[in-house]
Amino acid sequence: MFRIHYRESISSTCELLGVSRQVYYRAIRSKEKRQCIASDVIELVQSVRIEQPRIGTRKLYHILQESLRSLGVGRDRLFAILKANHMLIKPKRSYHITTNSHHRFRKHNNVIENLDVNRPEQVWVADITYVGNRANPMYLSLITDAYSKMIVGYYLSNTLAVDSSIKALKQAVKNRKYPKERLIHHSDRGLQYCSNQYQRILTKSHIKCSMTESYDPYQNAVAERINGILKQEFLMGTSKIDIKLMKKIVQQSIKVYNTKRPHLSCQMLTPEQMHKQNKVNIKTYKRKNTDKTAVLSVF
């Protein structure tokens, strides 16, 4: 009886609106199908964000492309679904000074400004990024390959001591894949990199030193960008934990970053994939409105 009254009610409503029952039911089925697909897409996205909680939509589309294609979902629709479910990532920026360039040690010239970076272990970029808070300061020393964007050395410390940067450098040197290739180490003019201990390791390892010649962050853009990726996509919301746990999180985050996160500048290869070859040309863009044109990597 209820079904009969329901159908009659639907028929009356359709007649009132000038719409056939077939069109009405087709619209309902279409809506249910879209909701089902959206639910499947969200489930796929969540499976990736378990390890990469703040990965952007373009990277998600690349990683999930085959699964999304089977659902009939393109990049624009993926954006729309994530936007409708409040799952788009909004970048957050923070700034903390980690560079002390007022010291007595020698400062080296910038030798990579016009260099064409076209292979792994041609240029390493080094930097220190702040990942703690006032009550619990923590500093992450990083060394990244400019070509592959692979993090080749790192060390987490609660101070800006030279020893932390040295440990990151030693790890990078120990793990070199192409030890016979000519290598340049590029950094800012911070005390850590200009120190005698640090420079001795570079000399002993036959690594040429290069440094930024101004306070322009674009001169060390690769390092700055990797810092931002780690903090925004992997370490967001972890600043209040203790350093012992933070070291484990950093280790896991860098492993996922190196092996699973695709890069636009690497033609959507992961850093590990990029580091194993030298055939792919990295994507770059030129910074405008500057006296010195800087070629920057696209991430």
C-alpha atoms as a PDB file:
ATOM      1  CA  MET A   1       0.000   0.000   0.000  1.00  0.00           C
ATOM      2  CA  PHE A   2       2.807   2.406   0.948  1.00  0.00           C
ATOM      3  CA  ARG A   3       4.617   1.758  -2.349  1.00  0.00           C
ATOM      4  CA  ILE A   4       1.462   2.484  -4.338  1.00  0.00           C
ATOM      5  CA  HIS A   5       0.902   5.810  -2.548  1.00  0.00           C
ATOM      6  CA  TYR A   6       4.622   6.667  -2.953  1.00  0.00           C
ATOM      7  CA  ARG A   7       4.526   6.016  -6.707  1.00  0.00           C
ATOM      8  CA  GLU A   8       1.337   8.051  -7.054  1.00  0.00           C
ATOM      9  CA  SER A   9       2.974  10.886  -5.122  1.00  0.00           C
ATOM     10  CA  ILE A  10       6.026  10.755  -7.390  1.00  0.00           C
ATOM     11  CA  SER A  11       3.834  10.713 -10.487  1.00  0.00           C
ATOM     12  CA  SER A  12       1.864  13.719  -9.252  1.00  0.00           C
ATOM     13  CA  THR A  13       5.027  15.646  -8.479  1.00  0.00           C
ATOM     14  CA  CYS A  14       6.546  14.844 -11.882  1.00  0.00           C
ATOM     15  CA  GLU A  15       3.373  15.946 -13.654  1.00  0.00           C
ATOM     16  CA  LEU A  16       3.338  19.161 -11.636  1.00  0.00           C
ATOM     17  CA  LEU A  17       6.944  19.923 -12.608  1.00  0.00           C
ATOM     18  CA  GLY A  18       6.533  18.799 -16.205  1.00  0.00           C
ATOM     19  CA  VAL A  19       9.108  15.987 -15.847  1.00  0.00           C
ATOM     20  CA  SER A  20       8.598  12.356 -16.772  1.00  0.00           C
ATOM     21  CA  ARG A  21       9.097   9.636 -14.154  1.00  0.00           C
ATOM     22  CA  GLN A  22      11.857   8.088 -16.278  1.00  0.00           C
ATOM     23  CA  VAL A  23      13.853  11.343 -16.191  1.00  0.00           C
ATOM     24  CA  TYR A  24      13.291  11.654 -12.438  1.00  0.00           C
ATOM     25  CA  TYR A  25      14.511   8.131 -11.671  1.00  0.00           C
ATOM     26  CA  ARG A  26      17.415   8.516 -14.090  1.00  0.00           C
ATOM     27  CA  ALA A  27      18.507  11.635 -12.231  1.00  0.00           C
ATOM     28  CA  ILE A  28      18.341   9.785  -8.912  1.00  0.00           C
ATOM     29  CA  ARG A  29      20.419   6.878 -10.270  1.00  0.00           C
ATOM     30  CA  SER A  30      22.936   9.320 -11.735  1.00  0.00           C
ATOM     31  CA  LYS A  31      23.276  11.121  -8.403  1.00  0.00           C
ATOM     32  CA  GLU A  32      23.737   7.849  -6.529  1.00  0.00           C
ATOM     33  CA  LYS A  33      26.388   6.744  -9.031  1.00  0.00           C
ATOM     34  CA  ARG A  34      28.284  10.039  -8.640  1.00  0.00           C
ATOM     35  CA  GLN A  35      28.167   9.710  -4.858  1.00  0.00           C
ATOM     36  CA  CYS A  36      29.407   6.126  -5.064  1.00  0.00           C
ATOM     37  CA  ILE A  37      32.318   7.164  -7.317  1.00  0.00           C
ATOM     38  CA  ALA A  38      33.162  10.083  -5.014  1.00  0.00           C
ATOM     39  CA  SER A  39      33.193   7.699  -2.056  1.00  0.00           C
ATOM     40  CA  ASP A  40      35.589   5.373  -3.902  1.00  0.00           C
ATOM     41  CA  VAL A  41      37.840   8.321  -4.810  1.00  0.00           C
ATOM     42  CA  ILE A  42      37.985   9.525  -1.205  1.00  0.00           C
ATOM     43  CA  GLU A  43      38.911   6.014  -0.073  1.00  0.00           C
ATOM     44  CA  LEU A  44      41.750   5.910  -2.631  1.00  0.00           C
ATOM     45  CA  VAL A  45      43.013   9.333  -1.546  1.00  0.00           C
ATOM     46  CA  GLN A  46      42.945   8.377   2.118  1.00  0.00           C
ATOM     47  CA  SER A  47      44.995   5.250   1.368  1.00  0.00           C
ATOM     48  CA  VAL A  48      47.783   7.488   0.003  1.00  0.00           C
ATOM     49  CA  ARG A  49      47.496  10.142   2.696  1.00  0.00           C
ATOM     50  CA  ILE A  50      48.089   7.605   5.423  1.00  0.00           C
ATOM     51  CA  GLU A  51      51.798   7.926   4.555  1.00  0.00           C
ATOM     52  CA  GLN A  52      51.721  11.342   2.859  1.00  0.00           C
ATOM     53  CA  PRO A  53      49.063  13.274   4.796  1.00  0.00           C
ATOM     54  CA  ARG A  54      49.491  16.607   2.996  1.00  0.00           C
ATOM     55  CA  ILE A  55      50.367  15.537  -0.536  1.00  0.00           C
ATOM     56  CA  GLY A  56      48.830  17.806  -3.176  1.00  0.00           C
ATOM     57  CA  THR A  57      46.097  16.911  -5.637  1.00  0.00           C
ATOM     58  CA  ARG A  58      48.312  16.863  -8.746  1.00  0.00           C
ATOM     59  CA  LYS A  59      50.620  14.319  -7.151  1.00  0.00           C
ATOM     60  CA  LEU A  60      47.616  12.306  -5.975  1.00  0.00           C
ATOM     61  CA  TYR A  61      46.265  12.227  -9.511  1.00  0.00           C
ATOM     62  CA  HIS A  62      49.595  10.933 -10.823  1.00  0.00           C
ATOM     63  CA  ILE A  63      49.851   8.205  -8.162  1.00  0.00           C
ATOM     64  CA  LEU A  64      46.213   7.107  -8.519  1.00  0.00           C
ATOM     65  CA  GLN A  65      45.868   7.678 -12.254  1.00  0.00           C
ATOM     66  CA  GLU A  66      45.086   4.073 -13.245  1.00  0.00           C
ATOM     67  CA  SER A  67      42.534   3.580 -10.467  1.00  0.00           C
ATOM     68  CA  LEU A  68      40.904   6.931 -11.202  1.00  0.00           C
ATOM     69  CA  ARG A  69      40.750   6.162 -14.916  1.00  0.00           C
ATOM     70  CA  SER A  70      38.813   2.961 -14.195  1.00  0.00           C
ATOM     71  CA  LEU A  71      36.302   5.098 -12.277  1.00  0.00           C
ATOM     72  CA  GLY A  72      36.095   7.636 -15.098  1.00  0.00           C
ATOM     73  CA  VAL A  73      37.609  10.380 -12.959  1.00  0.00           C
ATOM     74  CA  GLY A  74      39.971  12.939 -14.506  1.00  0.00           C
ATOM     75  CA  ARG A  75      42.133  15.532 -12.791  1.00  0.00           C
ATOM     76  CA  ASP A  76      39.481  18.285 -12.781  1.00  0.00           C
ATOM     77  CA  ARG A  77      36.892  15.953 -11.286  1.00  0.00           C
ATOM     78  CA  LEU A  78      39.383  14.823  -8.642  1.00  0.00           C
ATOM     79  CA  PHE A  79      39.889  18.478  -7.674  1.00  0.00           C
ATOM     80  CA  ALA A  80      36.114  18.959  -7.522  1.00  0.00           C
ATOM     81  CA  ILE A  81      35.540  15.898  -5.331  1.00  0.00           C
ATOM     82  CA  LEU A  82      38.300  16.864  -2.898  1.00  0.00           C
ATOM     83  CA  LYS A  83      37.078  20.459  -2.765  1.00  0.00           C
ATOM     84  CA  ALA A  84      33.498  19.355  -2.062  1.00  0.00           C
ATOM     85  CA  ASN A  85      34.759  17.190   0.806  1.00  0.00           C
ATOM     86  CA  HIS A  86      37.148  19.841   2.197  1.00  0.00           C
ATOM     87  CA  MET A  87      40.201  17.718   1.389  1.00  0.00           C
ATOM     88  CA  LEU A  88      42.273  20.184  -0.631  1.00  0.00           C
ATOM     89  CA  ILE A  89      45.586  21.067   0.981  1.00  0.00           C
ATOM     90  CA  LYS A  90      46.164  24.698   1.922  1.00  0.00           C
ATOM     91  CA  PRO A  91      49.886  25.494   2.241  1.00  0.00           C
ATOM     92  CA  LYS A  92      51.046  27.007   5.519  1.00  0.00           C
ATOM     93  CA  ARG A  93      54.229  29.012   5.693  1.00  0.00           C
ATOM     94  CA  SER A  94      56.484  29.630   8.645  1.00  0.00           C
ATOM     95  CA  TYR A  95      59.869  31.281   8.908  1.00  0.00           C
ATOM     96  CA  HIS A  96      62.644  30.802  11.408  1.00  0.00           C
ATOM     97  CA  ILE A  97      66.200  32.071  11.030  1.00  0.00           C
ATOM     98  CA  THR A  98      68.767  29.250  11.006  1.00  0.00           C
ATOM     99  CA  THR A  99      71.620  31.001   9.182  1.00  0.00           C
ATOM    100  CA  ASN A 100      74.407  32.917  10.903  1.00  0.00           C
ATOM    101  CA  SER A 101      76.640  34.362   8.185  1.00  0.00           C
ATOM    102  CA  HIS A 102      78.456  36.814  10.466  1.00  0.00           C
ATOM    103  CA  HIS A 103      81.601  34.855  11.266  1.00  0.00           C
ATOM    104  CA  ARG A 104      85.335  34.781  10.628  1.00  0.00           C
ATOM    105  CA  PHE A 105      85.436  31.780   8.291  1.00  0.00           C
ATOM    106  CA  ARG A 106      86.007  31.937   4.550  1.00  0.00           C
ATOM    107  CA  LYS A 107      82.930  32.375   2.335  1.00  0.00           C
ATOM    108  CA  HIS A 108      83.047  30.682  -1.077  1.00  0.00           C
ATOM    109  CA  ASN A 109      81.747  31.945  -4.420  1.00  0.00           C
ATOM    110  CA  ASN A 110      78.591  30.727  -6.145  1.00  0.00           C
ATOM    111  CA  VAL A 111      79.794  28.370  -8.908  1.00  0.00           C
ATOM    112  CA  ILE A 112      76.423  26.831  -9.856  1.00  0.00           C
ATOM    113  CA  GLU A 113      74.530  29.983 -10.872  1.00  0.00           C
ATOM    114  CA  ASN A 114      74.677  29.254 -14.620  1.00  0.00           C
ATOM    115  CA  LEU A 115      75.298  25.526 -14.342  1.00  0.00           C
ATOM    116  CA  ASP A 116      73.140  23.098 -16.324  1.00  0.00           C
ATOM    117  CA  VAL A 117      72.208  20.407 -13.823  1.00  0.00           C
ATOM    118  CA  ASN A 118      71.702  17.229 -15.856  1.00  0.00           C
ATOM    119  CA  ARG A 119      72.734  14.232 -13.736  1.00  0.00           C
ATOM    120  CA  PRO A 120      72.593  12.886 -10.161  1.00  0.00           C
ATOM    121  CA  GLU A 121      75.474  13.766  -7.826  1.00  0.00           C
ATOM    122  CA  GLN A 122      76.435  16.770  -9.890  1.00  0.00           C
ATOM    123  CA  VAL A 123      75.235  19.271  -7.278  1.00  0.00           C
ATOM    124  CA  TRP A 124      74.218  18.771  -3.662  1.00  0.00           C
ATOM    125  CA  VAL A 125      72.338  21.540  -1.861  1.00  0.00           C
ATOM    126  CA  ALA A 126      72.511  21.811   1.912  1.00  0.00           C
ATOM    127  CA  ASP A 127      70.292  23.672   4.347  1.00  0.00           C
ATOM    128  CA  ILE A 128      68.939  23.616   7.901  1.00  0.00           C
ATOM    129  CA  THR A 129      65.231  23.892   8.656  1.00  0.00           C
ATOM    130  CA  TYR A 130      63.440  24.506  11.950  1.00  0.00           C
ATOM    131  CA  VAL A 131      60.909  21.813  12.887  1.00  0.00           C
ATOM    132  CA  GLY A 132      60.362  22.376  16.623  1.00  0.00           C
ATOM    133  CA  ASN A 133      58.875  25.059  18.858  1.00  0.00           C
ATOM    134  CA  ARG A 134      60.080  27.471  21.559  1.00  0.00           C
ATOM    135  CA  ALA A 135      59.762  24.937  24.345  1.00  0.00           C
ATOM    136  CA  ASN A 136      61.262  22.143  22.272  1.00  0.00           C
ATOM    137  CA  PRO A 137      63.554  23.524  19.512  1.00  0.00           C
ATOM    138  CA  MET A 138      64.615  21.057  16.796  1.00  0.00           C
ATOM    139  CA  TYR A 139      66.674  21.640  13.666  1.00  0.00           C
ATOM    140  CA  LEU A 140      66.852  19.319  10.670  1.00  0.00           C
ATOM    141  CA  SER A 141      70.055  19.397   8.605  1.00  0.00           C
ATOM    142  CA  LEU A 142      69.443  18.229   5.038  1.00  0.00           C
ATOM    143  CA  ILE A 143      71.553  17.490   1.984  1.00  0.00           C
ATOM    144  CA  THR A 144      69.579  17.063  -1.244  1.00  0.00           C
ATOM    145  CA  ASP A 145      70.631  16.136  -4.758  1.00  0.00           C
ATOM    146  CA  ALA A 146      69.713  19.071  -7.022  1.00  0.00           C
ATOM    147  CA  TYR A 147      68.972  16.852 -10.026  1.00  0.00           C
ATOM    148  CA  SER A 148      66.951  14.025  -8.506  1.00  0.00           C
ATOM    149  CA  LYS A 149      65.613  15.921  -5.437  1.00  0.00           C
ATOM    150  CA  MET A 150      66.603  12.887  -3.383  1.00  0.00           C
ATOM    151  CA  ILE A 151      67.541  13.579   0.236  1.00  0.00           C
ATOM    152  CA  VAL A 152      70.943  11.932   0.536  1.00  0.00           C
ATOM    153  CA  GLY A 153      71.876  12.991   4.061  1.00  0.00           C
ATOM    154  CA  TYR A 154      70.067  14.296   7.131  1.00  0.00           C
ATOM    155  CA  TYR A 155      70.372  14.710  10.875  1.00  0.00           C
ATOM    156  CA  LEU A 156      67.970  16.043  13.525  1.00  0.00           C
ATOM    157  CA  SER A 157      69.278  17.944  16.538  1.00  0.00           C
ATOM    158  CA  ASN A 158      67.994  20.311  19.214  1.00  0.00           C
ATOM    159  CA  THR A 159      70.807  22.794  18.487  1.00  0.00           C
ATOM    160  CA  LEU A 160      72.387  24.550  15.517  1.00  0.00           C
ATOM    161  CA  ALA A 161      75.779  23.092  16.336  1.00  0.00           C
ATOM    162  CA  VAL A 162      78.208  22.390  13.482  1.00  0.00           C
ATOM    163  CA  ASP A 163      78.256  18.706  14.441  1.00  0.00           C
ATOM    164  CA  SER A 164      74.690  18.165  13.179  1.00  0.00           C
ATOM    165  CA  SER A 165      75.496  19.420   9.677  1.00  0.00           C
ATOM    166  CA  ILE A 166      78.676  17.354   9.664  1.00  0.00           C
ATOM    167  CA  LYS A 167      76.733  14.170  10.471  1.00  0.00           C
ATOM    168  CA  ALA A 168      74.331  14.860   7.595  1.00  0.00           C
ATOM    169  CA  LEU A 169      77.292  15.415   5.256  1.00  0.00           C
ATOM    170  CA  LYS A 170      79.068  12.237   6.353  1.00  0.00           C
ATOM    171  CA  GLN A 171      75.904  10.227   5.738  1.00  0.00           C
ATOM    172  CA  ALA A 172      75.585  11.709   2.243  1.00  0.00           C
ATOM    173  CA  VAL A 173      79.233  10.994   1.396  1.00  0.00           C
ATOM    174  CA  LYS A 174      78.973   7.436   2.704  1.00  0.00           C
ATOM    175  CA  ASN A 175      75.886   6.722   0.583  1.00  0.00           C
ATOM    176  CA  ARG A 176      77.172   8.130  -2.717  1.00  0.00           C
ATOM    177  CA  LYS A 177      76.070   6.137  -5.776  1.00  0.00           C
ATOM    178  CA  TYR A 178      78.498   7.749  -8.225  1.00  0.00           C
ATOM    179  CA  PRO A 179      81.682   8.418  -6.227  1.00  0.00           C
ATOM    180  CA  LYS A 180      83.831   8.971  -9.335  1.00  0.00           C
ATOM    181  CA  GLU A 181      81.683  11.824 -10.680  1.00  0.00           C
ATOM    182  CA  ARG A 182      82.612  15.465 -10.053  1.00  0.00           C
ATOM    183  CA  LEU A 183      80.418  16.888  -7.295  1.00  0.00           C
ATOM    184  CA  ILE A 184      79.644  20.422  -6.064  1.00  0.00           C
ATOM    185  CA  HIS A 185      78.278  21.179  -2.594  1.00  0.00           C
ATOM    186  CA  HIS A 186      76.101  24.316  -2.546  1.00  0.00           C
ATOM    187  CA  SER A 187      74.781  26.061   0.577  1.00  0.00           C
ATOM    188  CA  ASP A 188      74.205  29.430   2.175  1.00  0.00           C
ATOM    189  CA  ARG A 189      77.046  31.196   3.993  1.00  0.00           C
ATOM    190  CA  GLY A 190      76.123  29.878   7.410  1.00  0.00           C
ATOM    191  CA  LEU A 191      78.702  29.191  10.084  1.00  0.00           C
ATOM    192  CA  GLN A 192      78.070  25.437   9.880  1.00  0.00           C
ATOM    193  CA  TYR A 193      79.116  25.173   6.219  1.00  0.00           C
ATOM    194  CA  CYS A 194      82.043  27.612   6.417  1.00  0.00           C
ATOM    195  CA  SER A 195      83.557  25.969   9.505  1.00  0.00           C
ATOM    196  CA  ASN A 196      86.973  24.333   9.269  1.00  0.00           C
ATOM    197  CA  GLN A 197      85.612  20.883  10.212  1.00  0.00           C
ATOM    198  CA  TYR A 198      82.976  20.952   7.488  1.00  0.00           C
ATOM    199  CA  GLN A 199      85.339  22.229   4.831  1.00  0.00           C
ATOM    200  CA  ARG A 200      87.899  19.538   5.683  1.00  0.00           C
ATOM    201  CA  ILE A 201      85.358  16.809   4.929  1.00  0.00           C
ATOM    202  CA  LEU A 202      84.501  18.430   1.593  1.00  0.00           C
ATOM    203  CA  THR A 203      88.178  18.655   0.670  1.00  0.00           C
ATOM    204  CA  LYS A 204      88.918  15.107   1.761  1.00  0.00           C
ATOM    205  CA  SER A 205      85.937  13.840  -0.267  1.00  0.00           C
ATOM    206  CA  HIS A 206      87.013  15.842  -3.362  1.00  0.00           C
ATOM    207  CA  ILE A 207      83.804  17.883  -3.313  1.00  0.00           C
ATOM    208  CA  LYS A 208      83.934  21.476  -4.575  1.00  0.00           C
ATOM    209  CA  CYS A 209      82.310  24.126  -2.388  1.00  0.00           C
ATOM    210  CA  SER A 210      79.799  26.699  -3.648  1.00  0.00           C
ATOM    211  CA  MET A 211      77.804  29.248  -1.638  1.00  0.00           C
ATOM    212  CA  THR A 212      75.096  31.834  -2.169  1.00  0.00           C
ATOM    213  CA  GLU A 213      76.421  35.368  -2.589  1.00  0.00           C
ATOM    214  CA  SER A 214      73.420  37.237  -1.205  1.00  0.00           C
ATOM    215  CA  TYR A 215      70.499  36.802   1.179  1.00  0.00           C
ATOM    216  CA  ASP A 216      68.212  35.983  -1.755  1.00  0.00           C
ATOM    217  CA  PRO A 217      66.494  32.614  -0.967  1.00  0.00           C
ATOM    218  CA  TYR A 218      66.179  31.957  -4.709  1.00  0.00           C
ATOM    219  CA  GLN A 219      69.922  31.307  -4.795  1.00  0.00           C
ATOM    220  CA  ASN A 220      69.331  28.153  -2.805  1.00  0.00           C
ATOM    221  CA  ALA A 221      65.813  27.479  -4.089  1.00  0.00           C
ATOM    222  CA  VAL A 222      66.029  23.680  -4.255  1.00  0.00           C
ATOM    223  CA  ALA A 223      66.997  23.380  -0.588  1.00  0.00           C
ATOM    224  CA  GLU A 224      64.322  25.866   0.480  1.00  0.00           C
ATOM    225  CA  ARG A 225      61.657  23.989  -1.470  1.00  0.00           C
ATOM    226  CA  ILE A 226      62.577  20.578  -0.052  1.00  0.00           C
ATOM    227  CA  ASN A 227      62.408  22.092   3.434  1.00  0.00           C
ATOM    228  CA  GLY A 228      58.899  23.304   2.685  1.00  0.00           C
ATOM    229  CA  ILE A 229      57.750  19.959   1.287  1.00  0.00           C
ATOM    230  CA  LEU A 230      58.926  18.043   4.351  1.00  0.00           C
ATOM    231  CA  LYS A 231      57.370  20.462   6.814  1.00  0.00           C
ATOM    232  CA  GLN A 232      54.086  21.043   4.986  1.00  0.00           C
ATOM    233  CA  GLU A 233      53.429  17.521   3.708  1.00  0.00           C
ATOM    234  CA  PHE A 234      55.031  15.280   6.339  1.00  0.00           C
ATOM    235  CA  LEU A 235      55.892  17.066   9.585  1.00  0.00           C
ATOM    236  CA  MET A 236      52.919  19.404  10.029  1.00  0.00           C
ATOM    237  CA  GLY A 237      51.614  19.215  13.599  1.00  0.00           C
ATOM    238  CA  THR A 238      54.589  17.286  15.002  1.00  0.00           C
ATOM    239  CA  SER A 239      56.503  20.179  16.579  1.00  0.00           C
ATOM    240  CA  LYS A 240      55.352  19.417  20.148  1.00  0.00           C
ATOM    241  CA  ILE A 241      56.681  15.874  20.370  1.00  0.00           C
ATOM    242  CA  ASP A 242      60.048  14.960  21.875  1.00  0.00           C
ATOM    243  CA  ILE A 243      63.163  14.645  19.748  1.00  0.00           C
ATOM    244  CA  LYS A 244      63.419  10.854  20.146  1.00  0.00           C
ATOM    245  CA  LEU A 245      60.018  10.314  18.515  1.00  0.00           C
ATOM    246  CA  MET A 246      60.658  13.112  16.036  1.00  0.00           C
ATOM    247  CA  LYS A 247      63.769  11.315  14.747  1.00  0.00           C
ATOM    248  CA  LYS A 248      61.651   8.252  13.944  1.00  0.00           C
ATOM    249  CA  ILE A 249      59.049  10.378  12.181  1.00  0.00           C
ATOM    250  CA  VAL A 250      61.732  12.199  10.167  1.00  0.00           C
ATOM    251  CA  GLN A 251      63.347   8.916   9.152  1.00  0.00           C
ATOM    252  CA  GLN A 252      60.023   7.472   7.971  1.00  0.00           C
ATOM    253  CA  SER A 253      58.992  10.715   6.259  1.00  0.00           C
ATOM    254  CA  ILE A 254      62.229  10.955   4.283  1.00  0.00           C
ATOM    255  CA  LYS A 255      61.925   7.314   3.242  1.00  0.00           C
ATOM    256  CA  VAL A 256      58.404   7.920   1.900  1.00  0.00           C
ATOM    257  CA  TYR A 257      59.478  11.204   0.288  1.00  0.00           C
ATOM    258  CA  ASN A 258      62.430   9.571  -1.497  1.00  0.00           C
ATOM    259  CA  THR A 259      60.610   6.439  -2.670  1.00  0.00           C
ATOM    260  CA  LYS A 260      56.959   7.375  -3.178  1.00  0.00           C
ATOM    261  CA  ARG A 261      56.443  11.107  -3.729  1.00  0.00           C
ATOM    262  CA  PRO A 262      56.529  12.126  -7.436  1.00  0.00           C
ATOM    263  CA  HIS A 263      58.007  15.484  -8.480  1.00  0.00           C
ATOM    264  CA  LEU A 264      56.852  17.745 -11.283  1.00  0.00           C
ATOM    265  CA  SER A 265      60.483  18.748 -11.901  1.00  0.00           C
ATOM    266  CA  CYS A 266      61.404  15.065 -12.297  1.00  0.00           C
ATOM    267  CA  GLN A 267      58.689  14.400 -14.899  1.00  0.00           C
ATOM    268  CA  MET A 268      56.626  12.841 -12.068  1.00  0.00           C
ATOM    269  CA  LEU A 269      59.300  10.317 -11.127  1.00  0.00           C
ATOM    270  CA  THR A 270      60.113   9.786  -7.461  1.00  0.00           C
ATOM    271  CA  PRO A 271      63.523  11.055  -6.257  1.00  0.00           C
ATOM    272  CA  GLU A 272      64.783   7.473  -5.967  1.00  0.00           C
ATOM    273  CA  GLN A 273      63.740   6.674  -9.551  1.00  0.00           C
ATOM    274  CA  MET A 274      65.283   9.908 -10.782  1.00  0.00           C
ATOM    275  CA  HIS A 275      68.552   9.246  -8.951  1.00  0.00           C
ATOM    276  CA  LYS A 276      69.049   5.913 -10.719  1.00  0.00           C
ATOM    277  CA  GLN A 277      69.267   7.452 -14.218  1.00  0.00           C
ATOM    278  CA  ASN A 278      70.491  10.579 -16.014  1.00  0.00           C
ATOM    279  CA  LYS A 279      68.355  10.660 -19.180  1.00  0.00           C
ATOM    280  CA  VAL A 280      65.406  12.718 -17.923  1.00  0.00           C
ATOM    281  CA  ASN A 281      65.740  16.490 -18.172  1.00  0.00           C
ATOM    282  CA  ILE A 282      64.509  18.337 -15.097  1.00  0.00           C
ATOM    283  CA  LYS A 283      61.810  20.962 -15.584  1.00  0.00           C
ATOM    284  CA  THR A 284      62.847  24.487 -14.687  1.00  0.00           C
ATOM    285  CA  TYR A 285      61.490  27.992 -14.866  1.00  0.00           C
ATOM    286  CA  LYS A 286      63.199  31.371 -14.856  1.00  0.00           C
ATOM    287  CA  ARG A 287      62.587  33.895 -12.174  1.00  0.00           C
ATOM    288  CA  LYS A 288      61.450  37.234 -13.583  1.00  0.00           C
ATOM    289  CA  ASN A 289      62.198  40.801 -12.505  1.00  0.00           C
ATOM    290  CA  THR A 290      65.681  40.229 -11.208  1.00  0.00           C
ATOM    291  CA  ASP A 291      69.122  41.475 -12.205  1.00  0.00           C
ATOM    292  CA  LYS A 292      70.478  37.945 -12.179  1.00  0.00           C
ATOM    293  CA  THR A 293      68.295  35.325 -13.809  1.00  0.00           C
ATOM    294  CA  ALA A 294      67.949  32.334 -11.523  1.00  0.00           C
ATOM    295  CA  VAL A 295      66.875  28.970 -12.913  1.00  0.00           C
ATOM    296  CA  LEU A 296      64.663  27.241 -10.408  1.00  0.00           C
ATOM    297  CA  SER A 297      63.269  23.740 -10.240  1.00  0.00           C
ATOM    298  CA  VAL A 298      59.547  23.165 -10.515  1.00  0.00           C
ATOM    299  CA  PHE A 299      58.239  20.823  -7.814  1.00  0.00           C
END
